[in-house]
Protein backbone atom coordinates (compact mmCIF):
# COMPACT_ATOMS: atom_id res chain seq x y z
CA MET A 1 55.46 -19.90 39.37
CA LYS A 2 55.37 -16.12 38.41
CA LYS A 3 52.69 -14.05 40.02
CA VAL A 4 50.26 -12.07 37.39
CA ASN A 5 50.02 -8.51 38.27
CA THR A 6 46.65 -6.53 38.85
CA GLY A 7 46.86 -4.53 35.61
CA THR A 8 47.07 -7.91 33.59
CA LYS A 9 44.02 -9.51 35.50
CA VAL A 10 42.03 -6.17 34.40
CA ILE A 11 43.26 -6.47 30.83
CA ILE A 12 42.09 -10.10 30.62
CA SER A 13 38.88 -9.49 32.48
CA VAL A 14 38.08 -6.84 30.04
CA ILE A 15 39.05 -9.00 27.15
CA SER A 16 36.92 -11.70 28.36
CA ILE A 17 33.86 -9.13 28.78
CA PHE A 18 34.11 -8.12 25.10
CA ILE A 19 34.55 -11.56 23.77
CA LEU A 20 31.35 -12.48 25.75
CA PHE A 21 29.41 -9.65 24.69
CA GLY A 22 30.60 -10.18 21.02
CA VAL A 23 29.26 -13.77 21.36
CA ILE A 24 25.84 -12.92 22.51
CA PHE A 25 25.30 -10.25 20.18
CA THR A 26 26.33 -12.50 17.25
CA VAL A 27 23.82 -15.14 18.54
CA SER A 28 21.15 -12.70 18.97
CA TYR A 29 21.83 -11.27 15.56
CA PHE A 30 21.43 -14.48 13.64
CA ARG A 31 18.61 -15.51 15.59
CA THR A 32 16.85 -12.32 14.47
CA LEU A 33 17.84 -13.01 10.81
CA PHE A 34 16.12 -16.38 10.99
CA SER A 35 13.11 -15.16 12.57
CA ALA A 36 12.55 -12.37 9.98
CA GLN A 37 13.18 -15.11 7.26
CA GLN A 38 10.70 -17.15 8.74
CA GLU A 39 8.21 -14.67 8.75
CA ILE A 40 8.86 -13.97 5.08
CA VAL A 41 8.51 -17.43 4.15
CA GLY A 42 5.31 -17.82 6.05
CA THR A 43 3.94 -14.83 4.20
CA THR A 44 4.50 -16.36 0.75
CA TYR A 45 1.72 -19.28 1.69
CA GLU A 46 -0.52 -16.61 2.93
CA TYR A 47 -0.70 -14.59 -0.47
CA LYS A 48 -4.56 -14.12 -0.87
CA PRO A 49 -5.61 -13.86 -4.91
CA CYS A 50 -7.92 -10.89 -5.32
CA SER A 51 -10.14 -9.46 -8.12
CA ILE A 52 -9.97 -5.59 -8.81
CA ALA A 53 -12.32 -3.69 -11.10
CA SER A 54 -10.37 -0.93 -13.50
CA ASP A 55 -11.01 2.41 -12.40
CA ASP A 56 -14.10 2.59 -15.21
CA GLY A 57 -15.21 -0.80 -14.31
CA GLU A 58 -14.76 -1.75 -17.59
CA TYR A 59 -12.22 -4.71 -16.80
CA ILE A 60 -11.52 -7.01 -13.87
CA LEU A 61 -7.82 -7.94 -12.81
CA HIS A 62 -7.75 -11.27 -11.37
CA THR A 63 -4.57 -12.23 -9.53
CA LYS A 64 -3.76 -15.92 -9.10
CA LYS A 65 -1.20 -18.16 -6.86
CA ILE A 66 0.78 -20.62 -8.48
CA GLU A 67 2.86 -23.13 -6.66
CA ASP A 68 5.42 -25.51 -7.80
CA LYS A 69 8.76 -27.24 -6.74
CA THR A 70 10.44 -23.98 -7.12
CA GLY A 71 8.32 -21.76 -5.05
CA ALA A 72 5.16 -19.59 -5.20
CA TYR A 73 4.10 -17.16 -7.82
CA ALA A 74 1.57 -14.74 -8.51
CA THR A 75 0.57 -13.87 -12.18
CA PHE A 76 -2.64 -12.14 -13.39
CA SER A 77 -5.37 -12.35 -15.96
CA ILE A 78 -7.93 -9.86 -17.07
CA GLU A 79 -11.48 -10.10 -18.28
CA ARG A 80 -14.05 -7.71 -19.56
CA ALA A 81 -16.72 -6.96 -16.83
CA ASP A 82 -19.70 -7.14 -19.12
CA GLU A 83 -18.66 -10.09 -21.05
CA GLN A 84 -16.95 -12.33 -18.20
CA LYS A 85 -14.50 -13.40 -20.66
CA VAL A 86 -10.97 -13.58 -20.33
CA VAL A 87 -9.14 -11.05 -22.79
CA PHE A 88 -5.68 -11.44 -21.47
CA GLU A 89 -3.67 -13.84 -19.69
CA CYS A 90 -0.12 -12.97 -18.35
CA SER A 91 2.49 -15.49 -19.42
CA GLU A 92 4.73 -14.03 -16.29
CA LYS A 93 5.08 -15.15 -13.15
CA TYR A 94 6.55 -13.07 -10.14
CA ARG A 95 7.75 -14.70 -6.84
CA ILE A 96 5.26 -13.95 -4.17
CA ILE A 97 8.45 -13.47 -1.73
CA ASP A 98 9.16 -10.60 -3.58
CA LEU A 99 5.94 -9.14 -5.01
CA LYS A 100 4.88 -5.84 -3.38
CA SER A 101 1.74 -5.29 -5.67
CA ILE A 102 -0.22 -5.90 -9.03
CA GLU A 103 -2.58 -3.01 -9.37
CA TRP A 104 -4.56 -0.86 -12.40
CA ASN A 105 -3.48 2.49 -13.18
CA SER A 106 -5.99 3.49 -15.59
CA HIS A 107 -6.30 0.54 -18.17
CA ASP A 108 -2.70 -0.07 -17.76
CA VAL A 109 -1.35 -2.97 -14.98
CA ILE A 110 1.50 -2.22 -12.84
CA VAL A 111 3.43 -5.15 -11.15
CA LYS A 112 5.79 -4.05 -8.36
CA SER A 113 8.38 -6.59 -7.23
CA SER A 114 11.37 -6.32 -5.08
CA ASP A 115 13.31 -8.65 -7.39
CA VAL A 116 12.54 -7.39 -11.28
CA GLY A 117 11.46 -3.83 -10.16
CA THR A 118 8.12 -2.05 -11.55
CA VAL A 119 6.73 -3.65 -14.72
CA THR A 120 3.94 -2.33 -16.63
CA TYR A 121 1.65 -4.04 -19.12
CA CYS A 122 0.41 -1.14 -21.26
CA PHE A 123 -3.09 -1.31 -22.73
CA ALA A 124 -3.42 -0.36 -26.65
CA ASP A 125 -5.63 -1.74 -29.02
CA ASP A 126 -7.58 -3.79 -26.72
CA ASN A 127 -4.16 -5.87 -25.78
CA TRP A 128 -1.80 -5.48 -22.89
CA THR A 129 2.10 -5.78 -23.72
CA LYS A 130 4.57 -5.43 -21.28
């Protein structure tokens, strides 16, 4: 039987330690990713619809949550504050998991989402167009 010299033992020990730390790092990395994904998915069900008055108080922006078999989405409608009548119903829906905000900019509505970017619904002639 051949004797293994000390230098070879040290190299094998160092390589074993690197492999062990690599496995530990990989497992911890994927656990972190999984936890982050669970946290994100959890927030989609916590989305709270809201109502926001325009700067001049003339219109009210109502956000809504829609859930179907493909996921959770947000959309909005706008009503005249004095008549409490819906004057615009957004036909688009935005994935809540990607949604950053739906907000007023004067009478324009700004939707910020990480998947589609920033979408502006411009107000003109008593109507909003994308």
